[in-house]
Amino acid sequence: MMTRQVRSLWAVLAGGLLLAVVGGCATHVERMQVSEVKDLSGAWNDTDSRQVSQEMVGDVLSAQWLANYKQSHRSPPSVIVGDIRNLSHEHINTETFISDIQRELINSGKVEFVASKEQRQEIREERKDQDINAREDTRKAMGRELGADYMLKGTINTIIDASGSTQVRYYQVDLSLISLVDNRVVWVGQKKIKKLVENSKLRF
């Protein structure tokens, strides 16, 4: 039979082992600057989305179509972002990318921006409700929406070259600006990103 001293020693050792296991499983959280670049997996991330949107919006706003438009119009062109399809091998939140593009376009002050299809539908429902329930002097009339002059559409593609645990991940973003009056493509932009990923566990 164990003596009282031996049982006490085992209890201390077991308690220490339990604390070590719990401590090893503890979650460590470190605050980061939103603008800080941190590539953990090599997959598309917030830095890619931000940099691509900034560069491509800068490109589209410096292209000749905008100068041509200003020559014949007093007000700036109105733009809407259409579908940006993810044709890549991985899950990419295109809504975040679209939001980054919208922010860059609006903050540029060079174009006016039209709400998305889903946003417009919600706003129209609100106008219908106002037409019945709101005071007359505060109602917002139907039929006064700003129509978009151009739609921005695009795709995100990837090419993966892998050998063992090493990958080269190539991203290509293609955007087109299309006139809603006559379907003319007035601008085409392309941005490429290439990443070498060692010891990759990413699937494709």
N, C-alpha and C. Protein backbone atom coordinates (compact mmCIF):
# COMPACT_ATOMS: atom_id res chain seq x y z
N MET A 1 0.84 -1.20 0.00
CA MET A 1 0.00 0.00 0.00
C MET A 1 0.88 1.25 0.00
N MET A 2 0.33 2.33 -0.69
CA MET A 2 1.06 3.59 -0.73
C MET A 2 1.03 4.26 0.63
N THR A 3 2.15 4.82 0.99
CA THR A 3 2.17 5.61 2.19
C THR A 3 1.55 6.97 1.92
N ARG A 4 1.22 7.68 2.96
CA ARG A 4 0.62 9.00 2.81
C ARG A 4 1.57 9.94 2.07
N GLN A 5 2.89 9.83 2.33
CA GLN A 5 3.87 10.71 1.69
C GLN A 5 3.92 10.44 0.19
N VAL A 6 3.87 9.16 -0.21
CA VAL A 6 3.93 8.80 -1.64
C VAL A 6 2.68 9.30 -2.34
N ARG A 7 1.51 9.13 -1.72
CA ARG A 7 0.26 9.61 -2.34
C ARG A 7 0.30 11.11 -2.52
N SER A 8 0.83 11.80 -1.52
CA SER A 8 0.93 13.26 -1.62
C SER A 8 1.86 13.67 -2.77
N LEU A 9 2.96 12.92 -2.92
CA LEU A 9 3.91 13.23 -4.00
C LEU A 9 3.25 13.02 -5.36
N TRP A 10 2.52 11.92 -5.51
CA TRP A 10 1.81 11.65 -6.77
C TRP A 10 0.77 12.73 -7.05
N ALA A 11 0.10 13.18 -6.02
CA ALA A 11 -0.91 14.24 -6.20
C ALA A 11 -0.26 15.53 -6.70
N VAL A 12 0.90 15.85 -6.13
CA VAL A 12 1.60 17.06 -6.56
C VAL A 12 2.06 16.94 -8.01
N LEU A 13 2.60 15.76 -8.37
CA LEU A 13 3.07 15.54 -9.74
C LEU A 13 1.91 15.59 -10.73
N ALA A 14 0.78 14.99 -10.37
CA ALA A 14 -0.39 14.99 -11.25
C ALA A 14 -0.92 16.41 -11.44
N GLY A 15 -0.95 17.16 -10.35
CA GLY A 15 -1.42 18.55 -10.44
C GLY A 15 -0.51 19.39 -11.33
N GLY A 16 0.81 19.19 -11.19
CA GLY A 16 1.76 19.92 -12.03
C GLY A 16 1.61 19.56 -13.50
N LEU A 17 1.41 18.26 -13.77
CA LEU A 17 1.22 17.81 -15.15
C LEU A 17 -0.05 18.41 -15.74
N LEU A 18 -1.12 18.46 -14.95
CA LEU A 18 -2.38 19.04 -15.42
C LEU A 18 -2.21 20.51 -15.75
N LEU A 19 -1.50 21.25 -14.89
CA LEU A 19 -1.27 22.67 -15.14
C LEU A 19 -0.44 22.89 -16.40
N ALA A 20 0.52 21.99 -16.63
CA ALA A 20 1.36 22.10 -17.83
C ALA A 20 0.54 21.88 -19.08
N VAL A 21 -0.35 20.89 -19.03
CA VAL A 21 -1.21 20.60 -20.20
C VAL A 21 -2.14 21.76 -20.48
N VAL A 22 -2.78 22.26 -19.41
CA VAL A 22 -3.71 23.38 -19.58
C VAL A 22 -2.98 24.62 -20.09
N GLY A 23 -1.80 24.87 -19.54
CA GLY A 23 -1.02 26.02 -19.97
C GLY A 23 -0.60 25.90 -21.42
N GLY A 24 -0.24 24.67 -21.84
CA GLY A 24 0.16 24.47 -23.22
C GLY A 24 -0.97 24.66 -24.21
N CYS A 25 -2.20 24.45 -23.78
CA CYS A 25 -3.36 24.59 -24.66
C CYS A 25 -3.97 25.98 -24.62
N ALA A 26 -3.42 26.86 -23.79
CA ALA A 26 -4.00 28.20 -23.65
C ALA A 26 -3.86 28.98 -24.95
N THR A 27 -4.86 29.81 -25.27
CA THR A 27 -4.85 30.64 -26.47
C THR A 27 -4.12 31.93 -26.21
N HIS A 28 -3.21 32.27 -27.11
CA HIS A 28 -2.46 33.52 -27.00
C HIS A 28 -2.94 34.47 -28.07
N VAL A 29 -3.35 35.66 -27.70
CA VAL A 29 -3.86 36.66 -28.64
C VAL A 29 -2.97 37.89 -28.58
N GLU A 30 -2.55 38.34 -29.75
CA GLU A 30 -1.72 39.54 -29.85
C GLU A 30 -2.40 40.55 -30.77
N ARG A 31 -2.61 41.76 -30.29
CA ARG A 31 -3.21 42.81 -31.10
C ARG A 31 -2.24 43.25 -32.20
N MET A 32 -2.80 43.50 -33.40
CA MET A 32 -1.99 43.93 -34.53
C MET A 32 -2.57 45.20 -35.13
N GLN A 33 -1.73 45.98 -35.81
CA GLN A 33 -2.22 47.08 -36.60
C GLN A 33 -2.95 46.52 -37.82
N VAL A 34 -4.08 47.14 -38.17
CA VAL A 34 -4.87 46.64 -39.30
C VAL A 34 -4.06 46.67 -40.58
N SER A 35 -3.16 47.64 -40.72
CA SER A 35 -2.37 47.78 -41.93
C SER A 35 -1.14 46.87 -41.95
N GLU A 36 -0.87 46.17 -40.84
CA GLU A 36 0.31 45.32 -40.75
C GLU A 36 0.16 44.09 -41.65
N VAL A 37 1.22 43.77 -42.39
CA VAL A 37 1.20 42.62 -43.30
C VAL A 37 1.64 41.37 -42.54
N LYS A 38 0.81 40.34 -42.59
CA LYS A 38 1.14 39.08 -41.91
C LYS A 38 0.60 37.94 -42.77
N ASP A 39 1.49 37.31 -43.54
CA ASP A 39 1.11 36.17 -44.36
C ASP A 39 1.37 34.89 -43.58
N LEU A 40 0.33 34.20 -43.19
CA LEU A 40 0.48 32.97 -42.42
C LEU A 40 0.41 31.72 -43.29
N SER A 41 -0.54 31.68 -44.20
CA SER A 41 -0.76 30.47 -44.99
C SER A 41 -0.35 30.62 -46.45
N GLY A 42 -0.24 31.86 -46.93
CA GLY A 42 0.02 32.08 -48.34
C GLY A 42 -1.24 32.26 -49.16
N ALA A 43 -2.40 32.06 -48.53
CA ALA A 43 -3.67 32.22 -49.23
C ALA A 43 -3.99 33.71 -49.38
N TRP A 44 -4.98 34.00 -50.22
CA TRP A 44 -5.46 35.38 -50.40
C TRP A 44 -5.89 35.93 -49.05
N ASN A 45 -5.45 37.15 -48.72
CA ASN A 45 -5.78 37.71 -47.41
C ASN A 45 -6.16 39.18 -47.52
N ASP A 46 -6.32 39.83 -46.37
CA ASP A 46 -6.78 41.22 -46.35
C ASP A 46 -5.77 42.17 -46.99
N THR A 47 -4.49 41.86 -46.88
CA THR A 47 -3.47 42.69 -47.51
C THR A 47 -3.58 42.64 -49.03
N ASP A 48 -3.78 41.44 -49.57
CA ASP A 48 -3.96 41.29 -51.02
C ASP A 48 -5.17 42.08 -51.49
N SER A 49 -6.28 41.95 -50.76
CA SER A 49 -7.51 42.65 -51.14
C SER A 49 -7.31 44.15 -51.13
N ARG A 50 -6.68 44.66 -50.10
CA ARG A 50 -6.48 46.10 -49.97
C ARG A 50 -5.54 46.64 -51.04
N GLN A 51 -4.41 45.96 -51.24
CA GLN A 51 -3.43 46.44 -52.21
C GLN A 51 -3.95 46.37 -53.64
N VAL A 52 -4.62 45.28 -53.97
CA VAL A 52 -5.16 45.13 -55.33
C VAL A 52 -6.22 46.19 -55.60
N SER A 53 -7.12 46.42 -54.65
CA SER A 53 -8.18 47.40 -54.85
C SER A 53 -7.59 48.80 -55.00
N GLN A 54 -6.59 49.15 -54.19
CA GLN A 54 -5.98 50.47 -54.28
C GLN A 54 -5.30 50.69 -55.63
N GLU A 55 -4.54 49.70 -56.07
CA GLU A 55 -3.81 49.85 -57.33
C GLU A 55 -4.74 49.87 -58.54
N MET A 56 -5.76 49.01 -58.53
CA MET A 56 -6.65 48.93 -59.69
C MET A 56 -7.57 50.14 -59.77
N VAL A 57 -8.04 50.64 -58.63
CA VAL A 57 -8.86 51.85 -58.64
C VAL A 57 -8.01 53.05 -59.07
N GLY A 58 -6.76 53.11 -58.61
CA GLY A 58 -5.88 54.16 -59.07
C GLY A 58 -5.68 54.12 -60.58
N ASP A 59 -5.59 52.91 -61.13
CA ASP A 59 -5.43 52.72 -62.57
C ASP A 59 -6.67 53.16 -63.34
N VAL A 60 -7.85 52.72 -62.88
CA VAL A 60 -9.08 53.05 -63.61
C VAL A 60 -9.37 54.55 -63.57
N LEU A 61 -9.03 55.21 -62.48
CA LEU A 61 -9.32 56.64 -62.37
C LEU A 61 -8.31 57.52 -63.10
N SER A 62 -7.19 56.93 -63.52
CA SER A 62 -6.20 57.69 -64.29
C SER A 62 -6.28 57.39 -65.78
N ALA A 63 -7.22 56.52 -66.17
CA ALA A 63 -7.35 56.13 -67.58
C ALA A 63 -8.09 57.21 -68.38
N GLN A 64 -8.02 57.11 -69.70
CA GLN A 64 -8.53 58.14 -70.59
C GLN A 64 -10.04 58.26 -70.58
N TRP A 65 -10.77 57.19 -70.24
CA TRP A 65 -12.23 57.22 -70.29
C TRP A 65 -12.79 58.34 -69.40
N LEU A 66 -12.15 58.58 -68.25
CA LEU A 66 -12.66 59.58 -67.31
C LEU A 66 -12.50 60.99 -67.89
N ALA A 67 -11.37 61.26 -68.51
CA ALA A 67 -11.17 62.56 -69.15
C ALA A 67 -12.16 62.77 -70.29
N ASN A 68 -12.41 61.72 -71.05
CA ASN A 68 -13.38 61.81 -72.15
C ASN A 68 -14.78 62.11 -71.62
N TYR A 69 -15.14 61.48 -70.52
CA TYR A 69 -16.46 61.70 -69.94
C TYR A 69 -16.61 63.14 -69.45
N LYS A 70 -15.58 63.67 -68.80
CA LYS A 70 -15.64 65.03 -68.25
C LYS A 70 -15.78 66.08 -69.35
N GLN A 71 -15.29 65.79 -70.55
CA GLN A 71 -15.37 66.76 -71.64
C GLN A 71 -16.81 67.04 -72.08
N SER A 72 -17.68 66.04 -71.88
CA SER A 72 -19.05 66.18 -72.35
C SER A 72 -20.10 66.17 -71.24
N HIS A 73 -19.68 66.14 -69.99
CA HIS A 73 -20.63 66.10 -68.87
C HIS A 73 -20.16 67.07 -67.78
N ARG A 74 -21.11 67.68 -67.12
CA ARG A 74 -20.79 68.60 -66.02
C ARG A 74 -20.57 67.86 -64.71
N SER A 75 -21.33 66.82 -64.47
CA SER A 75 -21.22 66.08 -63.22
C SER A 75 -20.32 64.86 -63.42
N PRO A 76 -19.72 64.35 -62.35
CA PRO A 76 -18.86 63.17 -62.47
C PRO A 76 -19.66 61.92 -62.84
N PRO A 77 -19.04 60.92 -63.43
CA PRO A 77 -19.75 59.69 -63.80
C PRO A 77 -20.18 58.91 -62.56
N SER A 78 -21.27 58.20 -62.69
CA SER A 78 -21.73 57.34 -61.60
C SER A 78 -21.37 55.89 -61.92
N VAL A 79 -20.85 55.20 -60.92
CA VAL A 79 -20.32 53.86 -61.11
C VAL A 79 -20.98 52.89 -60.13
N ILE A 80 -21.16 51.67 -60.58
CA ILE A 80 -21.65 50.61 -59.71
C ILE A 80 -20.74 49.40 -59.87
N VAL A 81 -20.48 48.67 -58.79
CA VAL A 81 -19.69 47.45 -58.88
C VAL A 81 -20.64 46.27 -59.06
N GLY A 82 -20.45 45.55 -60.15
CA GLY A 82 -21.26 44.37 -60.42
C GLY A 82 -20.64 43.13 -59.80
N ASP A 83 -20.79 42.00 -60.48
CA ASP A 83 -20.31 40.72 -59.97
C ASP A 83 -18.80 40.60 -60.18
N ILE A 84 -18.09 40.25 -59.12
CA ILE A 84 -16.68 39.88 -59.23
C ILE A 84 -16.59 38.41 -58.82
N ARG A 85 -16.37 37.55 -59.80
CA ARG A 85 -16.45 36.11 -59.59
C ARG A 85 -15.12 35.53 -59.12
N ASN A 86 -15.23 34.64 -58.15
CA ASN A 86 -14.06 33.92 -57.66
C ASN A 86 -13.91 32.62 -58.45
N LEU A 87 -12.97 32.59 -59.38
CA LEU A 87 -12.71 31.39 -60.18
C LEU A 87 -11.44 30.69 -59.71
N SER A 88 -10.98 31.03 -58.52
CA SER A 88 -9.73 30.48 -58.01
C SER A 88 -9.93 29.11 -57.38
N HIS A 89 -8.81 28.53 -56.92
CA HIS A 89 -8.84 27.22 -56.26
C HIS A 89 -9.26 27.30 -54.81
N GLU A 90 -9.33 28.50 -54.25
CA GLU A 90 -9.60 28.63 -52.82
C GLU A 90 -10.80 29.52 -52.55
N HIS A 91 -11.26 29.48 -51.33
CA HIS A 91 -12.37 30.34 -50.94
C HIS A 91 -11.86 31.76 -50.76
N ILE A 92 -12.43 32.70 -51.49
CA ILE A 92 -12.09 34.11 -51.36
C ILE A 92 -13.38 34.89 -51.12
N ASN A 93 -13.39 35.68 -50.07
CA ASN A 93 -14.56 36.50 -49.76
C ASN A 93 -14.57 37.70 -50.70
N THR A 94 -15.27 37.57 -51.82
CA THR A 94 -15.29 38.65 -52.80
C THR A 94 -16.05 39.88 -52.29
N GLU A 95 -16.94 39.70 -51.31
CA GLU A 95 -17.67 40.84 -50.76
C GLU A 95 -16.70 41.82 -50.08
N THR A 96 -15.70 41.29 -49.41
CA THR A 96 -14.69 42.16 -48.78
C THR A 96 -13.90 42.91 -49.84
N PHE A 97 -13.55 42.21 -50.92
CA PHE A 97 -12.81 42.83 -52.01
C PHE A 97 -13.65 43.93 -52.67
N ILE A 98 -14.94 43.64 -52.89
CA ILE A 98 -15.84 44.64 -53.47
C ILE A 98 -15.95 45.86 -52.56
N SER A 99 -16.02 45.64 -51.26
CA SER A 99 -16.10 46.75 -50.31
C SER A 99 -14.84 47.61 -50.37
N ASP A 100 -13.67 46.96 -50.51
CA ASP A 100 -12.42 47.71 -50.64
C ASP A 100 -12.44 48.58 -51.89
N ILE A 101 -12.95 48.04 -53.00
CA ILE A 101 -13.04 48.80 -54.24
C ILE A 101 -14.00 49.97 -54.09
N GLN A 102 -15.14 49.71 -53.50
CA GLN A 102 -16.14 50.77 -53.29
C GLN A 102 -15.56 51.92 -52.47
N ARG A 103 -14.85 51.58 -51.40
CA ARG A 103 -14.27 52.61 -50.53
C ARG A 103 -13.27 53.46 -51.31
N GLU A 104 -12.41 52.82 -52.09
CA GLU A 104 -11.42 53.55 -52.86
C GLU A 104 -12.07 54.47 -53.89
N LEU A 105 -13.12 53.99 -54.55
CA LEU A 105 -13.81 54.80 -55.55
C LEU A 105 -14.51 56.01 -54.92
N ILE A 106 -15.22 55.76 -53.84
CA ILE A 106 -15.98 56.84 -53.19
C ILE A 106 -15.03 57.89 -52.62
N ASN A 107 -13.98 57.44 -51.94
CA ASN A 107 -13.06 58.38 -51.30
C ASN A 107 -12.21 59.16 -52.30
N SER A 108 -12.16 58.70 -53.54
CA SER A 108 -11.39 59.43 -54.55
C SER A 108 -12.03 60.76 -54.89
N GLY A 109 -13.36 60.86 -54.76
CA GLY A 109 -14.08 62.08 -55.11
C GLY A 109 -14.19 62.31 -56.60
N LYS A 110 -13.72 61.37 -57.42
CA LYS A 110 -13.73 61.55 -58.87
C LYS A 110 -14.95 60.94 -59.54
N VAL A 111 -15.66 60.09 -58.84
CA VAL A 111 -16.86 59.47 -59.39
C VAL A 111 -17.95 59.46 -58.31
N GLU A 112 -19.20 59.37 -58.76
CA GLU A 112 -20.30 59.12 -57.84
C GLU A 112 -20.58 57.63 -57.83
N PHE A 113 -21.07 57.16 -56.69
CA PHE A 113 -21.21 55.72 -56.54
C PHE A 113 -22.67 55.35 -56.30
N VAL A 114 -23.14 54.34 -57.02
CA VAL A 114 -24.53 53.88 -56.93
C VAL A 114 -24.59 52.63 -56.05
N ALA A 115 -25.61 52.55 -55.20
CA ALA A 115 -25.77 51.41 -54.31
C ALA A 115 -25.95 50.12 -55.11
N SER A 116 -25.61 49.00 -54.49
CA SER A 116 -25.73 47.70 -55.15
C SER A 116 -27.19 47.31 -55.34
N LYS A 117 -27.40 46.25 -56.11
CA LYS A 117 -28.76 45.78 -56.38
C LYS A 117 -29.50 45.45 -55.08
N GLU A 118 -28.81 44.75 -54.16
CA GLU A 118 -29.44 44.38 -52.90
C GLU A 118 -29.74 45.61 -52.05
N GLN A 119 -28.82 46.55 -52.02
CA GLN A 119 -29.03 47.77 -51.24
C GLN A 119 -30.18 48.59 -51.83
N ARG A 120 -30.25 48.69 -53.14
CA ARG A 120 -31.32 49.45 -53.78
C ARG A 120 -32.68 48.86 -53.47
N GLN A 121 -32.77 47.54 -53.47
CA GLN A 121 -34.04 46.89 -53.18
C GLN A 121 -34.51 47.19 -51.77
N GLU A 122 -33.57 47.17 -50.81
CA GLU A 122 -33.92 47.48 -49.43
C GLU A 122 -34.38 48.92 -49.29
N ILE A 123 -33.69 49.82 -49.98
CA ILE A 123 -34.06 51.24 -49.91
C ILE A 123 -35.42 51.47 -50.55
N ARG A 124 -35.73 50.77 -51.64
CA ARG A 124 -37.04 50.91 -52.28
C ARG A 124 -38.16 50.45 -51.35
N GLU A 125 -37.89 49.38 -50.60
CA GLU A 125 -38.88 48.93 -49.64
C GLU A 125 -39.12 49.99 -48.57
N GLU A 126 -38.05 50.66 -48.15
CA GLU A 126 -38.18 51.74 -47.16
C GLU A 126 -39.01 52.89 -47.73
N ARG A 127 -38.81 53.23 -49.01
CA ARG A 127 -39.59 54.31 -49.62
C ARG A 127 -41.07 53.94 -49.68
N LYS A 128 -41.35 52.68 -49.99
CA LYS A 128 -42.75 52.23 -50.01
C LYS A 128 -43.39 52.38 -48.63
N ASP A 129 -42.61 52.01 -47.62
CA ASP A 129 -43.11 52.13 -46.25
C ASP A 129 -43.34 53.60 -45.90
N GLN A 130 -42.41 54.47 -46.31
CA GLN A 130 -42.57 55.90 -46.04
C GLN A 130 -43.81 56.45 -46.74
N ASP A 131 -44.08 55.97 -47.92
CA ASP A 131 -45.22 56.47 -48.69
C ASP A 131 -46.54 56.27 -47.94
N ILE A 132 -46.57 55.26 -47.08
CA ILE A 132 -47.78 54.96 -46.32
C ILE A 132 -47.73 55.56 -44.92
N ASN A 133 -46.56 55.49 -44.29
CA ASN A 133 -46.48 55.78 -42.85
C ASN A 133 -45.78 57.09 -42.48
N ALA A 134 -44.98 57.65 -43.36
CA ALA A 134 -44.21 58.83 -42.99
C ALA A 134 -45.00 60.11 -43.24
N ARG A 135 -44.65 61.18 -42.50
CA ARG A 135 -45.26 62.48 -42.74
C ARG A 135 -44.94 62.94 -44.16
N GLU A 136 -45.86 63.68 -44.73
CA GLU A 136 -45.72 64.10 -46.13
C GLU A 136 -44.45 64.91 -46.35
N ASP A 137 -44.10 65.76 -45.41
CA ASP A 137 -42.93 66.62 -45.59
C ASP A 137 -41.60 65.86 -45.41
N THR A 138 -41.67 64.59 -44.98
CA THR A 138 -40.44 63.81 -44.81
C THR A 138 -40.37 62.61 -45.77
N ARG A 139 -41.40 62.39 -46.56
CA ARG A 139 -41.39 61.26 -47.49
C ARG A 139 -40.37 61.47 -48.60
N LYS A 140 -39.75 60.35 -49.01
CA LYS A 140 -38.82 60.37 -50.13
C LYS A 140 -39.51 59.74 -51.34
N ALA A 141 -39.65 60.51 -52.40
CA ALA A 141 -40.43 60.07 -53.56
C ALA A 141 -39.72 58.98 -54.33
N MET A 142 -40.51 58.10 -54.95
CA MET A 142 -39.99 57.07 -55.84
C MET A 142 -39.59 57.73 -57.17
N GLY A 143 -38.76 57.04 -57.93
CA GLY A 143 -38.42 57.49 -59.28
C GLY A 143 -37.39 58.59 -59.36
N ARG A 144 -36.62 58.79 -58.30
CA ARG A 144 -35.60 59.84 -58.32
C ARG A 144 -34.19 59.28 -58.11
N GLU A 145 -34.03 58.00 -58.38
CA GLU A 145 -32.73 57.35 -58.19
C GLU A 145 -31.72 57.80 -59.24
N LEU A 146 -30.46 57.78 -58.86
CA LEU A 146 -29.37 58.07 -59.78
C LEU A 146 -29.00 56.80 -60.52
N GLY A 147 -29.13 56.82 -61.83
CA GLY A 147 -28.76 55.66 -62.63
C GLY A 147 -27.26 55.61 -62.87
N ALA A 148 -26.70 54.43 -62.84
CA ALA A 148 -25.26 54.27 -63.05
C ALA A 148 -24.90 54.46 -64.52
N ASP A 149 -23.76 55.08 -64.75
CA ASP A 149 -23.23 55.23 -66.11
C ASP A 149 -22.33 54.06 -66.50
N TYR A 150 -21.65 53.50 -65.50
CA TYR A 150 -20.69 52.43 -65.76
C TYR A 150 -20.80 51.33 -64.70
N MET A 151 -20.49 50.11 -65.12
CA MET A 151 -20.44 48.98 -64.18
C MET A 151 -19.05 48.36 -64.22
N LEU A 152 -18.52 48.10 -63.02
CA LEU A 152 -17.22 47.46 -62.88
C LEU A 152 -17.43 45.98 -62.58
N LYS A 153 -16.89 45.12 -63.43
CA LYS A 153 -17.04 43.67 -63.27
C LYS A 153 -15.68 43.01 -63.35
N GLY A 154 -15.59 41.76 -62.85
CA GLY A 154 -14.30 41.11 -62.95
C GLY A 154 -14.25 39.70 -62.43
N THR A 155 -13.05 39.14 -62.41
CA THR A 155 -12.81 37.77 -61.95
C THR A 155 -11.51 37.71 -61.16
N ILE A 156 -11.41 36.70 -60.29
CA ILE A 156 -10.17 36.38 -59.59
C ILE A 156 -9.81 34.94 -59.93
N ASN A 157 -8.62 34.73 -60.49
CA ASN A 157 -8.16 33.40 -60.88
C ASN A 157 -6.86 33.05 -60.16
N THR A 158 -6.59 31.74 -60.07
CA THR A 158 -5.31 31.30 -59.50
C THR A 158 -4.70 30.21 -60.38
N ILE A 159 -3.38 30.14 -60.32
CA ILE A 159 -2.63 29.02 -60.88
C ILE A 159 -1.71 28.53 -59.77
N ILE A 160 -1.76 27.22 -59.48
CA ILE A 160 -0.96 26.64 -58.41
C ILE A 160 0.07 25.70 -59.01
N ASP A 161 1.34 25.93 -58.67
CA ASP A 161 2.43 25.04 -59.07
C ASP A 161 3.03 24.49 -57.79
N ALA A 162 2.92 23.17 -57.59
CA ALA A 162 3.32 22.58 -56.31
C ALA A 162 4.29 21.42 -56.52
N SER A 163 5.23 21.30 -55.60
CA SER A 163 6.14 20.17 -55.55
C SER A 163 6.41 19.85 -54.09
N GLY A 164 5.92 18.70 -53.64
CA GLY A 164 6.07 18.36 -52.23
C GLY A 164 5.34 19.35 -51.35
N SER A 165 6.07 19.94 -50.42
CA SER A 165 5.46 20.89 -49.48
C SER A 165 5.68 22.34 -49.90
N THR A 166 6.14 22.53 -51.14
CA THR A 166 6.39 23.88 -51.64
C THR A 166 5.41 24.22 -52.76
N GLN A 167 4.86 25.43 -52.69
CA GLN A 167 3.91 25.89 -53.70
C GLN A 167 4.30 27.28 -54.20
N VAL A 168 4.02 27.51 -55.47
CA VAL A 168 4.00 28.86 -56.01
C VAL A 168 2.54 29.15 -56.33
N ARG A 169 2.00 30.18 -55.67
CA ARG A 169 0.59 30.54 -55.83
C ARG A 169 0.52 31.85 -56.62
N TYR A 170 -0.14 31.78 -57.76
CA TYR A 170 -0.23 32.91 -58.68
C TYR A 170 -1.69 33.37 -58.75
N TYR A 171 -1.92 34.63 -58.39
CA TYR A 171 -3.26 35.21 -58.43
C TYR A 171 -3.33 36.23 -59.56
N GLN A 172 -4.42 36.21 -60.30
CA GLN A 172 -4.64 37.21 -61.35
C GLN A 172 -6.05 37.78 -61.21
N VAL A 173 -6.12 39.09 -61.02
CA VAL A 173 -7.40 39.79 -60.91
C VAL A 173 -7.61 40.61 -62.19
N ASP A 174 -8.72 40.36 -62.87
CA ASP A 174 -9.07 41.09 -64.09
C ASP A 174 -10.36 41.87 -63.85
N LEU A 175 -10.34 43.16 -64.11
CA LEU A 175 -11.52 44.00 -63.97
C LEU A 175 -11.79 44.73 -65.28
N SER A 176 -13.07 44.95 -65.57
CA SER A 176 -13.47 45.70 -66.77
C SER A 176 -14.52 46.73 -66.37
N LEU A 177 -14.42 47.91 -66.95
CA LEU A 177 -15.41 48.97 -66.75
C LEU A 177 -16.24 49.07 -68.02
N ILE A 178 -17.55 48.89 -67.89
CA ILE A 178 -18.44 48.79 -69.05
C ILE A 178 -19.47 49.91 -69.02
N SER A 179 -19.65 50.57 -70.14
CA SER A 179 -20.65 51.62 -70.27
C SER A 179 -22.04 51.00 -70.34
N LEU A 180 -22.96 51.47 -69.48
CA LEU A 180 -24.31 50.94 -69.49
C LEU A 180 -25.15 51.50 -70.65
N VAL A 181 -24.67 52.55 -71.29
CA VAL A 181 -25.40 53.13 -72.42
C VAL A 181 -25.31 52.24 -73.64
N ASP A 182 -24.09 51.76 -73.94
CA ASP A 182 -23.90 51.03 -75.20
C ASP A 182 -23.02 49.79 -75.06
N ASN A 183 -22.76 49.33 -73.83
CA ASN A 183 -21.97 48.12 -73.57
C ASN A 183 -20.51 48.24 -74.00
N ARG A 184 -20.01 49.43 -74.22
CA ARG A 184 -18.59 49.59 -74.55
C ARG A 184 -17.73 49.29 -73.32
N VAL A 185 -16.66 48.57 -73.53
CA VAL A 185 -15.66 48.35 -72.48
C VAL A 185 -14.67 49.50 -72.57
N VAL A 186 -14.69 50.40 -71.58
CA VAL A 186 -13.88 51.61 -71.66
C VAL A 186 -12.56 51.48 -70.92
N TRP A 187 -12.42 50.44 -70.10
CA TRP A 187 -11.16 50.22 -69.38
C TRP A 187 -11.05 48.76 -69.00
N VAL A 188 -9.84 48.22 -69.12
CA VAL A 188 -9.54 46.86 -68.66
C VAL A 188 -8.29 46.92 -67.80
N GLY A 189 -8.37 46.38 -66.60
CA GLY A 189 -7.23 46.38 -65.69
C GLY A 189 -6.89 44.97 -65.24
N GLN A 190 -5.62 44.78 -64.93
CA GLN A 190 -5.16 43.46 -64.49
C GLN A 190 -4.08 43.63 -63.41
N LYS A 191 -4.21 42.85 -62.36
CA LYS A 191 -3.24 42.85 -61.26
C LYS A 191 -2.84 41.41 -60.96
N LYS A 192 -1.52 41.19 -60.82
CA LYS A 192 -1.00 39.85 -60.57
C LYS A 192 -0.24 39.81 -59.25
N ILE A 193 -0.41 38.70 -58.53
CA ILE A 193 0.31 38.47 -57.27
C ILE A 193 0.92 37.07 -57.35
N LYS A 194 2.18 36.95 -56.94
CA LYS A 194 2.86 35.65 -56.96
C LYS A 194 3.49 35.40 -55.62
N LYS A 195 3.22 34.23 -55.02
CA LYS A 195 3.72 33.91 -53.68
C LYS A 195 4.41 32.55 -53.68
N LEU A 196 5.58 32.50 -53.06
CA LEU A 196 6.26 31.23 -52.80
C LEU A 196 5.94 30.80 -51.38
N VAL A 197 5.34 29.63 -51.23
CA VAL A 197 4.89 29.14 -49.92
C VAL A 197 5.65 27.86 -49.59
N GLU A 198 6.46 27.89 -48.54
CA GLU A 198 7.21 26.72 -48.10
C GLU A 198 6.42 25.96 -47.04
N ASN A 199 6.59 24.64 -47.01
CA ASN A 199 5.90 23.78 -46.03
C ASN A 199 4.40 24.02 -46.07
N SER A 200 3.86 24.13 -47.27
CA SER A 200 2.45 24.49 -47.40
C SER A 200 1.55 23.30 -47.10
N LYS A 201 0.48 23.56 -46.35
CA LYS A 201 -0.56 22.58 -46.11
C LYS A 201 -1.85 22.97 -46.81
N LEU A 202 -1.76 24.00 -47.66
CA LEU A 202 -2.95 24.43 -48.39
C LEU A 202 -3.34 23.40 -49.42
N ARG A 203 -4.64 23.19 -49.53
CA ARG A 203 -5.15 22.26 -50.53
C ARG A 203 -5.58 23.04 -51.76
N PHE A 204 -5.55 22.33 -52.89
CA PHE A 204 -5.97 22.98 -54.14
C PHE A 204 -6.58 21.94 -55.07
